[in-house]
N, C-alpha and C. Protein backbone atom coordinates (compact mmCIF):
# COMPACT_ATOMS: atom_id res chain seq x y z
N UNK A 1 -128.16 145.51 -173.56
CA UNK A 1 -128.11 145.04 -174.93
C UNK A 1 -127.05 145.87 -175.66
N UNK A 2 -126.20 145.16 -176.36
CA UNK A 2 -125.17 145.87 -177.11
C UNK A 2 -125.17 145.39 -178.54
N UNK A 3 -124.57 146.16 -179.41
CA UNK A 3 -124.46 145.82 -180.81
C UNK A 3 -123.03 145.38 -181.07
N UNK A 4 -122.74 144.06 -180.96
CA UNK A 4 -121.37 143.60 -181.10
C UNK A 4 -120.87 143.75 -182.53
N UNK A 5 -119.58 144.00 -182.65
CA UNK A 5 -118.95 144.09 -183.95
C UNK A 5 -118.54 142.70 -184.39
N UNK A 6 -118.82 142.36 -185.63
CA UNK A 6 -118.42 141.08 -186.18
C UNK A 6 -117.03 141.18 -186.76
N UNK A 7 -116.22 140.12 -186.63
CA UNK A 7 -114.96 140.11 -187.36
C UNK A 7 -115.26 140.24 -188.85
N UNK A 8 -114.40 140.89 -189.61
CA UNK A 8 -114.69 141.16 -191.02
C UNK A 8 -114.91 139.90 -191.82
N UNK A 9 -114.17 138.81 -191.54
CA UNK A 9 -114.35 137.57 -192.29
C UNK A 9 -115.74 137.00 -192.05
N UNK A 10 -116.18 137.01 -190.79
CA UNK A 10 -117.49 136.49 -190.44
C UNK A 10 -118.57 137.35 -191.08
N UNK A 11 -118.39 138.66 -191.04
CA UNK A 11 -119.37 139.56 -191.65
C UNK A 11 -119.45 139.31 -193.16
N UNK A 12 -118.30 139.12 -193.82
CA UNK A 12 -118.29 138.86 -195.26
C UNK A 12 -119.00 137.56 -195.59
N UNK A 13 -118.72 136.52 -194.82
CA UNK A 13 -119.36 135.23 -195.06
C UNK A 13 -120.86 135.34 -194.83
N UNK A 14 -121.23 135.99 -193.74
CA UNK A 14 -122.65 136.15 -193.41
C UNK A 14 -123.36 136.93 -194.51
N UNK A 15 -122.73 138.01 -194.99
CA UNK A 15 -123.33 138.79 -196.07
C UNK A 15 -123.46 137.96 -197.34
N UNK A 16 -122.45 137.12 -197.63
CA UNK A 16 -122.51 136.27 -198.82
C UNK A 16 -123.65 135.26 -198.72
N UNK A 17 -123.81 134.66 -197.55
CA UNK A 17 -124.90 133.69 -197.35
C UNK A 17 -126.24 134.40 -197.51
N UNK A 18 -126.39 135.56 -196.90
CA UNK A 18 -127.66 136.29 -197.02
C UNK A 18 -127.94 136.65 -198.48
N UNK A 19 -126.90 137.09 -199.21
CA UNK A 19 -127.08 137.47 -200.61
C UNK A 19 -127.48 136.26 -201.45
N UNK A 20 -126.82 135.11 -201.21
CA UNK A 20 -127.14 133.90 -201.96
C UNK A 20 -128.59 133.49 -201.72
N UNK A 21 -129.01 133.52 -200.47
CA UNK A 21 -130.38 133.15 -200.15
C UNK A 21 -131.35 134.12 -200.80
N UNK A 22 -131.05 135.40 -200.71
CA UNK A 22 -131.91 136.42 -201.30
C UNK A 22 -132.01 136.25 -202.81
N UNK A 23 -130.89 136.04 -203.47
CA UNK A 23 -130.89 135.88 -204.92
C UNK A 23 -131.64 134.65 -205.37
N UNK A 24 -131.50 133.56 -204.65
CA UNK A 24 -132.09 132.30 -205.08
C UNK A 24 -133.52 132.12 -204.62
N UNK A 25 -133.94 132.81 -203.59
CA UNK A 25 -135.27 132.54 -203.07
C UNK A 25 -136.33 133.50 -203.60
N UNK A 26 -135.93 134.59 -204.21
CA UNK A 26 -136.92 135.55 -204.67
C UNK A 26 -137.23 135.41 -206.15
N UNK A 27 -136.51 134.57 -206.87
CA UNK A 27 -136.78 134.39 -208.29
C UNK A 27 -136.07 135.45 -209.11
N UNK A 28 -136.30 135.43 -210.41
CA UNK A 28 -135.62 136.36 -211.31
C UNK A 28 -136.37 137.67 -211.38
N UNK A 29 -135.68 138.75 -211.05
CA UNK A 29 -136.25 140.08 -211.21
C UNK A 29 -137.41 140.39 -210.28
N UNK A 30 -137.56 139.68 -209.18
CA UNK A 30 -138.68 139.93 -208.28
C UNK A 30 -138.17 140.28 -206.89
N UNK A 31 -137.21 141.16 -206.82
CA UNK A 31 -136.58 141.53 -205.56
C UNK A 31 -137.56 142.15 -204.56
N UNK A 32 -138.57 142.85 -205.04
CA UNK A 32 -139.45 143.56 -204.13
C UNK A 32 -140.77 142.83 -203.89
N UNK A 33 -140.79 141.53 -204.09
CA UNK A 33 -141.99 140.76 -203.87
C UNK A 33 -142.38 140.80 -202.39
N UNK A 34 -143.63 141.13 -202.12
CA UNK A 34 -144.12 141.15 -200.75
C UNK A 34 -144.79 139.83 -200.46
N UNK A 35 -144.42 139.23 -199.34
CA UNK A 35 -145.00 137.96 -198.95
C UNK A 35 -145.96 138.22 -197.79
N UNK A 36 -147.20 137.81 -197.96
CA UNK A 36 -148.20 137.96 -196.90
C UNK A 36 -148.02 136.79 -195.94
N UNK A 37 -147.84 137.10 -194.67
CA UNK A 37 -147.58 136.08 -193.66
C UNK A 37 -148.78 135.98 -192.73
N UNK A 38 -149.21 134.75 -192.50
CA UNK A 38 -150.31 134.51 -191.56
C UNK A 38 -149.85 134.90 -190.16
N UNK A 39 -150.75 135.42 -189.33
CA UNK A 39 -150.36 135.83 -187.97
C UNK A 39 -149.66 134.72 -187.19
N UNK A 40 -150.15 133.48 -187.29
CA UNK A 40 -149.53 132.38 -186.56
C UNK A 40 -148.09 132.15 -187.03
N UNK A 41 -147.86 132.24 -188.34
CA UNK A 41 -146.51 132.05 -188.87
C UNK A 41 -145.59 133.18 -188.39
N UNK A 42 -146.11 134.41 -188.34
CA UNK A 42 -145.30 135.52 -187.85
C UNK A 42 -145.00 135.34 -186.37
N UNK A 43 -145.98 134.88 -185.60
CA UNK A 43 -145.73 134.62 -184.17
C UNK A 43 -144.65 133.56 -184.00
N UNK A 44 -144.71 132.50 -184.80
CA UNK A 44 -143.69 131.45 -184.72
C UNK A 44 -142.31 131.99 -185.10
N UNK A 45 -142.28 132.87 -186.08
CA UNK A 45 -141.02 133.49 -186.48
C UNK A 45 -140.45 134.36 -185.36
N UNK A 46 -141.33 135.05 -184.66
CA UNK A 46 -140.91 135.89 -183.53
C UNK A 46 -140.33 135.01 -182.43
N UNK A 47 -141.01 133.92 -182.12
CA UNK A 47 -140.51 132.99 -181.09
C UNK A 47 -139.14 132.44 -181.49
N UNK A 48 -138.99 132.07 -182.75
CA UNK A 48 -137.71 131.55 -183.23
C UNK A 48 -136.62 132.61 -183.12
N UNK A 49 -136.96 133.85 -183.42
CA UNK A 49 -135.98 134.94 -183.32
C UNK A 49 -135.54 135.15 -181.88
N UNK A 50 -136.46 134.97 -180.95
CA UNK A 50 -136.14 135.16 -179.53
C UNK A 50 -135.41 133.97 -178.92
N UNK A 51 -135.37 132.86 -179.64
CA UNK A 51 -134.70 131.66 -179.12
C UNK A 51 -133.20 131.90 -178.92
N UNK A 52 -132.62 132.81 -179.68
CA UNK A 52 -131.19 133.08 -179.55
C UNK A 52 -130.89 134.14 -178.50
N UNK A 53 -131.91 134.68 -177.85
CA UNK A 53 -131.68 135.65 -176.79
C UNK A 53 -132.66 136.80 -176.83
N UNK A 54 -132.59 137.64 -175.81
CA UNK A 54 -133.48 138.79 -175.69
C UNK A 54 -133.24 139.75 -176.85
N UNK A 55 -134.34 140.35 -177.33
CA UNK A 55 -134.24 141.29 -178.44
C UNK A 55 -135.30 142.38 -178.29
N UNK A 56 -134.99 143.56 -178.83
CA UNK A 56 -135.99 144.60 -178.91
C UNK A 56 -136.74 144.45 -180.24
N UNK A 57 -137.71 145.28 -180.49
CA UNK A 57 -138.55 145.16 -181.68
C UNK A 57 -137.73 145.20 -182.97
N UNK A 58 -136.85 146.16 -183.09
CA UNK A 58 -136.05 146.29 -184.32
C UNK A 58 -135.18 145.06 -184.55
N UNK A 59 -134.62 144.52 -183.48
CA UNK A 59 -133.78 143.32 -183.61
C UNK A 59 -134.61 142.11 -184.02
N UNK A 60 -135.83 142.01 -183.54
CA UNK A 60 -136.71 140.91 -183.92
C UNK A 60 -137.04 141.00 -185.41
N UNK A 61 -137.41 142.19 -185.86
CA UNK A 61 -137.73 142.39 -187.27
C UNK A 61 -136.52 142.01 -188.14
N UNK A 62 -135.34 142.47 -187.74
CA UNK A 62 -134.11 142.17 -188.49
C UNK A 62 -133.82 140.67 -188.49
N UNK A 63 -133.98 140.01 -187.36
CA UNK A 63 -133.70 138.57 -187.26
C UNK A 63 -134.65 137.77 -188.14
N UNK A 64 -135.91 138.16 -188.21
CA UNK A 64 -136.87 137.47 -189.07
C UNK A 64 -136.45 137.63 -190.53
N UNK A 65 -136.06 138.84 -190.89
CA UNK A 65 -135.61 139.07 -192.26
C UNK A 65 -134.39 138.24 -192.62
N UNK A 66 -133.43 138.18 -191.72
CA UNK A 66 -132.21 137.41 -191.96
C UNK A 66 -132.53 135.92 -192.05
N UNK A 67 -133.31 135.42 -191.11
CA UNK A 67 -133.63 133.99 -191.08
C UNK A 67 -134.40 133.55 -192.32
N UNK A 68 -135.17 134.46 -192.90
CA UNK A 68 -135.96 134.11 -194.08
C UNK A 68 -135.23 134.44 -195.38
N UNK A 69 -133.97 134.84 -195.28
CA UNK A 69 -133.25 135.23 -196.49
C UNK A 69 -133.83 136.48 -197.11
N UNK A 70 -134.36 137.34 -196.26
CA UNK A 70 -134.98 138.61 -196.65
C UNK A 70 -136.23 138.44 -197.51
N UNK A 71 -136.83 137.24 -197.49
CA UNK A 71 -138.09 137.08 -198.19
C UNK A 71 -139.25 137.59 -197.34
N UNK A 72 -139.06 137.60 -196.02
CA UNK A 72 -140.05 138.17 -195.12
C UNK A 72 -139.52 139.50 -194.61
N UNK A 73 -140.31 140.53 -194.79
CA UNK A 73 -139.94 141.85 -194.28
C UNK A 73 -141.13 142.42 -193.53
N UNK A 74 -141.40 141.84 -192.35
CA UNK A 74 -142.57 142.33 -191.61
C UNK A 74 -142.35 143.75 -191.12
N UNK A 75 -143.43 144.49 -191.05
CA UNK A 75 -143.34 145.86 -190.54
C UNK A 75 -143.22 145.81 -189.01
N UNK A 76 -142.69 146.88 -188.46
CA UNK A 76 -142.63 147.00 -187.00
C UNK A 76 -144.03 146.86 -186.39
N UNK A 77 -145.02 147.44 -187.07
CA UNK A 77 -146.39 147.40 -186.56
C UNK A 77 -146.96 145.99 -186.52
N UNK A 78 -146.73 145.20 -187.58
CA UNK A 78 -147.27 143.84 -187.58
C UNK A 78 -146.57 142.98 -186.54
N UNK A 79 -145.26 143.17 -186.37
CA UNK A 79 -144.53 142.41 -185.35
C UNK A 79 -144.99 142.84 -183.96
N UNK A 80 -145.20 144.13 -183.77
CA UNK A 80 -145.66 144.64 -182.48
C UNK A 80 -147.03 144.07 -182.13
N UNK A 81 -147.92 144.01 -183.11
CA UNK A 81 -149.25 143.45 -182.90
C UNK A 81 -149.16 141.98 -182.47
N UNK A 82 -148.30 141.21 -183.13
CA UNK A 82 -148.16 139.79 -182.79
C UNK A 82 -147.43 139.61 -181.46
N UNK A 83 -146.52 140.52 -181.13
CA UNK A 83 -145.87 140.47 -179.82
C UNK A 83 -146.90 140.67 -178.71
N UNK A 84 -147.84 141.58 -178.93
CA UNK A 84 -148.91 141.79 -177.95
C UNK A 84 -149.69 140.50 -177.73
N UNK A 85 -149.99 139.80 -178.82
CA UNK A 85 -150.71 138.54 -178.71
C UNK A 85 -149.89 137.49 -177.96
N UNK A 86 -148.59 137.44 -178.26
CA UNK A 86 -147.70 136.49 -177.56
C UNK A 86 -147.57 136.84 -176.08
N UNK A 87 -147.57 138.13 -175.76
CA UNK A 87 -147.53 138.56 -174.36
C UNK A 87 -148.80 138.12 -173.64
N UNK A 88 -149.96 138.30 -174.29
CA UNK A 88 -151.24 137.89 -173.70
C UNK A 88 -151.28 136.39 -173.43
N UNK A 89 -150.66 135.61 -174.31
CA UNK A 89 -150.65 134.15 -174.18
C UNK A 89 -149.49 133.68 -173.29
N UNK A 90 -148.73 134.62 -172.74
CA UNK A 90 -147.60 134.34 -171.84
C UNK A 90 -146.51 133.49 -172.50
N UNK A 91 -146.35 133.65 -173.81
CA UNK A 91 -145.27 132.95 -174.51
C UNK A 91 -144.00 133.79 -174.53
N UNK A 92 -144.15 135.10 -174.37
CA UNK A 92 -143.01 136.01 -174.22
C UNK A 92 -143.30 136.95 -173.07
N UNK A 93 -142.25 137.56 -172.58
CA UNK A 93 -142.39 138.61 -171.57
C UNK A 93 -141.51 139.77 -171.99
N UNK A 94 -141.74 140.90 -171.39
CA UNK A 94 -140.96 142.08 -171.77
C UNK A 94 -140.54 142.86 -170.54
N UNK A 95 -139.50 143.65 -170.73
CA UNK A 95 -139.07 144.58 -169.69
C UNK A 95 -138.44 145.79 -170.38
N UNK A 96 -138.42 146.88 -169.68
CA UNK A 96 -137.81 148.09 -170.21
C UNK A 96 -136.33 148.07 -169.90
N UNK A 97 -135.50 148.23 -170.94
CA UNK A 97 -134.05 148.23 -170.78
C UNK A 97 -133.50 149.38 -171.59
N UNK A 98 -132.88 150.34 -170.93
CA UNK A 98 -132.32 151.52 -171.59
C UNK A 98 -133.32 152.16 -172.56
N UNK A 99 -134.50 152.46 -172.07
CA UNK A 99 -135.56 153.12 -172.83
C UNK A 99 -136.11 152.30 -173.99
N UNK A 100 -135.83 151.01 -174.03
CA UNK A 100 -136.39 150.14 -175.06
C UNK A 100 -137.04 148.94 -174.41
N UNK A 101 -138.12 148.52 -175.00
CA UNK A 101 -138.80 147.32 -174.53
C UNK A 101 -138.05 146.12 -175.12
N UNK A 102 -137.61 145.23 -174.24
CA UNK A 102 -136.87 144.04 -174.64
C UNK A 102 -137.74 142.83 -174.36
N UNK A 103 -137.79 141.92 -175.33
CA UNK A 103 -138.64 140.74 -175.22
C UNK A 103 -137.79 139.49 -175.05
N UNK A 104 -138.35 138.51 -174.32
CA UNK A 104 -137.68 137.22 -174.16
C UNK A 104 -138.73 136.13 -174.10
N UNK A 105 -138.28 134.92 -174.43
CA UNK A 105 -139.16 133.76 -174.34
C UNK A 105 -139.44 133.42 -172.88
N UNK A 106 -140.65 133.00 -172.60
CA UNK A 106 -140.96 132.43 -171.29
C UNK A 106 -140.75 130.92 -171.40
N UNK A 107 -140.91 130.22 -170.29
CA UNK A 107 -140.83 128.75 -170.34
C UNK A 107 -141.91 128.21 -171.27
N UNK A 108 -143.10 128.80 -171.22
CA UNK A 108 -144.19 128.36 -172.12
C UNK A 108 -143.82 128.61 -173.58
N UNK A 109 -143.19 129.75 -173.83
CA UNK A 109 -142.76 130.07 -175.19
C UNK A 109 -141.71 129.10 -175.70
N UNK A 110 -140.76 128.75 -174.83
CA UNK A 110 -139.72 127.77 -175.20
C UNK A 110 -140.34 126.41 -175.48
N UNK A 111 -141.32 126.01 -174.65
CA UNK A 111 -141.99 124.72 -174.85
C UNK A 111 -142.78 124.73 -176.16
N UNK A 112 -143.45 125.85 -176.44
CA UNK A 112 -144.21 125.96 -177.69
C UNK A 112 -143.26 125.86 -178.88
N UNK A 113 -142.15 126.54 -178.81
CA UNK A 113 -141.16 126.51 -179.89
C UNK A 113 -140.59 125.10 -180.05
N UNK A 114 -140.34 124.42 -178.96
CA UNK A 114 -139.83 123.05 -179.02
C UNK A 114 -140.85 122.13 -179.68
N UNK A 115 -142.13 122.34 -179.40
CA UNK A 115 -143.16 121.50 -180.04
C UNK A 115 -143.22 121.76 -181.53
N UNK A 116 -142.98 123.00 -181.93
CA UNK A 116 -142.93 123.32 -183.36
C UNK A 116 -141.73 122.63 -184.01
N UNK A 117 -140.58 122.64 -183.31
CA UNK A 117 -139.39 121.98 -183.83
C UNK A 117 -139.62 120.49 -183.99
N UNK A 118 -140.31 119.87 -183.02
CA UNK A 118 -140.59 118.44 -183.12
C UNK A 118 -141.50 118.15 -184.31
N UNK A 119 -142.49 118.99 -184.52
CA UNK A 119 -143.38 118.80 -185.66
C UNK A 119 -142.61 118.97 -186.96
N UNK A 120 -141.69 119.94 -187.00
CA UNK A 120 -140.87 120.16 -188.18
C UNK A 120 -139.94 118.98 -188.42
N UNK A 121 -139.33 118.46 -187.33
CA UNK A 121 -138.45 117.30 -187.46
C UNK A 121 -139.20 116.11 -188.04
N UNK A 122 -140.43 115.89 -187.58
CA UNK A 122 -141.23 114.78 -188.09
C UNK A 122 -141.50 114.94 -189.57
N UNK A 123 -141.90 116.13 -189.98
CA UNK A 123 -142.18 116.36 -191.40
C UNK A 123 -140.90 116.31 -192.23
N UNK A 124 -139.76 116.75 -191.66
CA UNK A 124 -138.49 116.66 -192.37
C UNK A 124 -138.06 115.21 -192.56
N UNK A 125 -138.32 114.36 -191.55
CA UNK A 125 -137.99 112.94 -191.69
C UNK A 125 -138.80 112.31 -192.82
N UNK A 126 -140.08 112.65 -192.89
CA UNK A 126 -140.91 112.15 -193.98
C UNK A 126 -140.41 112.68 -195.31
N UNK A 127 -140.05 113.96 -195.35
CA UNK A 127 -139.53 114.55 -196.58
C UNK A 127 -138.20 113.92 -196.96
N UNK A 128 -137.38 113.61 -195.96
CA UNK A 128 -136.09 112.98 -196.21
C UNK A 128 -136.25 111.61 -196.84
N UNK A 129 -137.24 110.84 -196.35
CA UNK A 129 -137.49 109.53 -196.93
C UNK A 129 -137.94 109.68 -198.38
N UNK A 130 -138.80 110.64 -198.65
CA UNK A 130 -139.25 110.89 -200.02
C UNK A 130 -138.09 111.34 -200.88
N UNK A 131 -137.23 112.21 -200.33
CA UNK A 131 -136.08 112.71 -201.07
C UNK A 131 -135.11 111.58 -201.40
N UNK A 132 -134.91 110.66 -200.45
CA UNK A 132 -134.02 109.53 -200.70
C UNK A 132 -134.55 108.71 -201.86
N UNK A 133 -135.85 108.49 -201.88
CA UNK A 133 -136.46 107.75 -202.98
C UNK A 133 -136.26 108.50 -204.29
N UNK A 134 -136.47 109.81 -204.27
CA UNK A 134 -136.29 110.61 -205.48
C UNK A 134 -134.83 110.61 -205.93
N UNK A 135 -133.90 110.69 -204.97
CA UNK A 135 -132.48 110.73 -205.31
C UNK A 135 -132.10 109.45 -206.03
N UNK A 136 -132.61 108.33 -205.52
CA UNK A 136 -132.28 107.06 -206.15
C UNK A 136 -132.89 106.97 -207.53
N UNK A 137 -133.98 107.67 -207.77
CA UNK A 137 -134.58 107.65 -209.09
C UNK A 137 -134.00 108.75 -209.98
N UNK A 138 -133.08 109.54 -209.44
CA UNK A 138 -132.42 110.58 -210.24
C UNK A 138 -133.23 111.85 -210.39
N UNK A 139 -134.30 112.03 -209.62
CA UNK A 139 -135.19 113.18 -209.80
C UNK A 139 -135.05 114.24 -208.72
N UNK A 140 -133.99 114.16 -207.90
CA UNK A 140 -133.89 115.08 -206.76
C UNK A 140 -133.34 116.44 -207.17
N UNK A 141 -133.96 117.49 -206.66
CA UNK A 141 -133.46 118.85 -206.85
C UNK A 141 -133.19 119.41 -205.46
N UNK A 142 -131.92 119.59 -205.12
CA UNK A 142 -131.53 119.97 -203.76
C UNK A 142 -131.51 121.47 -203.52
N UNK A 143 -131.91 122.26 -204.49
CA UNK A 143 -131.83 123.72 -204.33
C UNK A 143 -132.55 124.21 -203.10
N UNK A 144 -133.77 123.73 -202.88
CA UNK A 144 -134.53 124.18 -201.72
C UNK A 144 -133.88 123.73 -200.43
N UNK A 145 -133.32 122.52 -200.42
CA UNK A 145 -132.68 122.02 -199.21
C UNK A 145 -131.48 122.86 -198.82
N UNK A 146 -130.65 123.21 -199.79
CA UNK A 146 -129.47 124.00 -199.46
C UNK A 146 -129.85 125.41 -199.04
N UNK A 147 -130.91 125.95 -199.62
CA UNK A 147 -131.36 127.28 -199.20
C UNK A 147 -131.89 127.25 -197.78
N UNK A 148 -132.63 126.20 -197.44
CA UNK A 148 -133.13 126.06 -196.07
C UNK A 148 -131.98 125.92 -195.10
N UNK A 149 -131.02 125.06 -195.45
CA UNK A 149 -129.85 124.88 -194.58
C UNK A 149 -129.06 126.18 -194.45
N UNK A 150 -128.93 126.92 -195.53
CA UNK A 150 -128.21 128.20 -195.50
C UNK A 150 -128.92 129.21 -194.61
N UNK A 151 -130.24 129.23 -194.66
CA UNK A 151 -130.99 130.15 -193.81
C UNK A 151 -130.81 129.79 -192.34
N UNK A 152 -130.82 128.49 -192.03
CA UNK A 152 -130.59 128.06 -190.65
C UNK A 152 -129.19 128.46 -190.20
N UNK A 153 -128.22 128.27 -191.09
CA UNK A 153 -126.84 128.62 -190.80
C UNK A 153 -126.72 130.13 -190.53
N UNK A 154 -127.33 130.93 -191.40
CA UNK A 154 -127.28 132.38 -191.24
C UNK A 154 -127.95 132.81 -189.94
N UNK A 155 -129.04 132.15 -189.56
CA UNK A 155 -129.73 132.47 -188.32
C UNK A 155 -128.85 132.14 -187.11
N UNK A 156 -128.16 131.00 -187.18
CA UNK A 156 -127.27 130.62 -186.07
C UNK A 156 -126.13 131.62 -185.95
N UNK A 157 -125.55 132.01 -187.07
CA UNK A 157 -124.45 132.99 -187.05
C UNK A 157 -124.96 134.32 -186.50
N UNK A 158 -126.16 134.70 -186.91
CA UNK A 158 -126.74 135.95 -186.43
C UNK A 158 -126.96 135.90 -184.92
N UNK A 159 -127.42 134.75 -184.42
CA UNK A 159 -127.63 134.60 -182.98
C UNK A 159 -126.35 134.78 -182.19
N UNK A 160 -125.27 134.17 -182.68
CA UNK A 160 -123.98 134.32 -182.01
C UNK A 160 -123.49 135.75 -182.12
N UNK A 161 -123.65 136.35 -183.29
CA UNK A 161 -123.19 137.72 -183.48
C UNK A 161 -123.92 138.69 -182.56
N UNK A 162 -125.21 138.44 -182.32
CA UNK A 162 -126.00 139.35 -181.50
C UNK A 162 -125.86 139.07 -180.01
N UNK A 163 -125.72 137.79 -179.65
CA UNK A 163 -125.79 137.44 -178.23
C UNK A 163 -124.56 136.75 -177.67
N UNK A 164 -123.65 136.31 -178.53
CA UNK A 164 -122.50 135.56 -178.06
C UNK A 164 -121.46 136.43 -177.37
N UNK A 165 -120.69 135.78 -176.49
CA UNK A 165 -119.58 136.50 -175.88
C UNK A 165 -118.36 136.42 -176.81
N UNK A 166 -117.29 137.05 -176.43
CA UNK A 166 -116.09 137.13 -177.28
C UNK A 166 -115.59 135.74 -177.65
N UNK A 167 -115.51 134.83 -176.69
CA UNK A 167 -115.04 133.47 -176.95
C UNK A 167 -115.95 132.74 -177.93
N UNK A 168 -117.25 132.86 -177.76
CA UNK A 168 -118.19 132.21 -178.67
C UNK A 168 -118.05 132.76 -180.08
N UNK A 169 -117.86 134.06 -180.20
CA UNK A 169 -117.70 134.66 -181.52
C UNK A 169 -116.41 134.20 -182.19
N UNK A 170 -115.34 134.06 -181.41
CA UNK A 170 -114.08 133.58 -181.97
C UNK A 170 -114.22 132.13 -182.44
N UNK A 171 -114.87 131.29 -181.62
CA UNK A 171 -115.07 129.88 -182.00
C UNK A 171 -115.97 129.78 -183.23
N UNK A 172 -117.00 130.62 -183.29
CA UNK A 172 -117.91 130.62 -184.43
C UNK A 172 -117.17 131.04 -185.70
N UNK A 173 -116.30 132.03 -185.57
CA UNK A 173 -115.53 132.48 -186.73
C UNK A 173 -114.66 131.35 -187.26
N UNK A 174 -114.00 130.63 -186.36
CA UNK A 174 -113.17 129.49 -186.78
C UNK A 174 -114.02 128.43 -187.46
N UNK A 175 -115.19 128.15 -186.91
CA UNK A 175 -116.07 127.13 -187.49
C UNK A 175 -116.58 127.56 -188.86
N UNK A 176 -116.97 128.82 -188.99
CA UNK A 176 -117.45 129.32 -190.28
C UNK A 176 -116.33 129.24 -191.31
N UNK A 177 -115.10 129.59 -190.91
CA UNK A 177 -113.96 129.47 -191.82
C UNK A 177 -113.78 128.02 -192.27
N UNK A 178 -113.87 127.09 -191.33
CA UNK A 178 -113.71 125.67 -191.65
C UNK A 178 -114.81 125.19 -192.60
N UNK A 179 -116.05 125.56 -192.32
CA UNK A 179 -117.17 125.17 -193.17
C UNK A 179 -116.99 125.76 -194.57
N UNK A 180 -116.55 127.00 -194.64
CA UNK A 180 -116.33 127.65 -195.93
C UNK A 180 -115.29 126.88 -196.75
N UNK A 181 -114.18 126.51 -196.10
CA UNK A 181 -113.15 125.74 -196.81
C UNK A 181 -113.71 124.42 -197.31
N UNK A 182 -114.49 123.74 -196.48
CA UNK A 182 -115.06 122.46 -196.88
C UNK A 182 -116.05 122.62 -198.04
N UNK A 183 -116.82 123.70 -198.03
CA UNK A 183 -117.74 123.95 -199.14
C UNK A 183 -116.99 124.18 -200.44
N UNK A 184 -115.89 124.93 -200.38
CA UNK A 184 -115.09 125.14 -201.58
C UNK A 184 -114.46 123.84 -202.07
N UNK A 185 -114.10 122.96 -201.15
CA UNK A 185 -113.59 121.64 -201.56
C UNK A 185 -114.65 120.85 -202.29
N UNK A 186 -115.88 120.93 -201.81
CA UNK A 186 -116.99 120.25 -202.51
C UNK A 186 -117.14 120.82 -203.91
N UNK A 187 -117.08 122.15 -204.03
CA UNK A 187 -117.20 122.77 -205.35
C UNK A 187 -116.07 122.35 -206.28
N UNK A 188 -114.90 122.08 -205.73
CA UNK A 188 -113.75 121.72 -206.55
C UNK A 188 -113.79 120.27 -207.02
N UNK A 189 -114.65 119.46 -206.42
CA UNK A 189 -114.76 118.06 -206.83
C UNK A 189 -115.34 117.96 -208.23
N UNK A 190 -114.93 116.92 -208.92
CA UNK A 190 -115.51 116.67 -210.26
C UNK A 190 -116.67 115.75 -210.21
């Protein structure tokens, strides 16, 4: 396991996305709000964090924080407790690598995560139909949608930054640059 260096442009964009999500998702003046997370939700977050590759405890905690726009800040102890439960259920496995325990998804864990994604896709389709109706009635507020999309984007960038090879990081940097330009074009529209 190595700690790859991000190109400065990618790091700046990633930091900007994280800051935007953090600023918009925590409300006004409530930066230190603690969110209580149900064990099952934390386990699902751990599985999602491991979907981008093997991670040690600290990397899992960091990935959950990034993916949630820093609204979730689980302690090492709570993540460790849920990892033990996931190990018992054979959804993750671990091995010792350079004096650190590294966790990875098992086939069962990947299948469980896929079933969660399918359930989410179904509920998103229903929400999309409702949103389309609201949009046509002029009552749509897209703030939550863009924050969710931004969190997914930040998680994908984080996955490549942590686990991607040099070529993948270069391609991701180009793609992030392109997306950034397109977003600024949208902002420039009247």
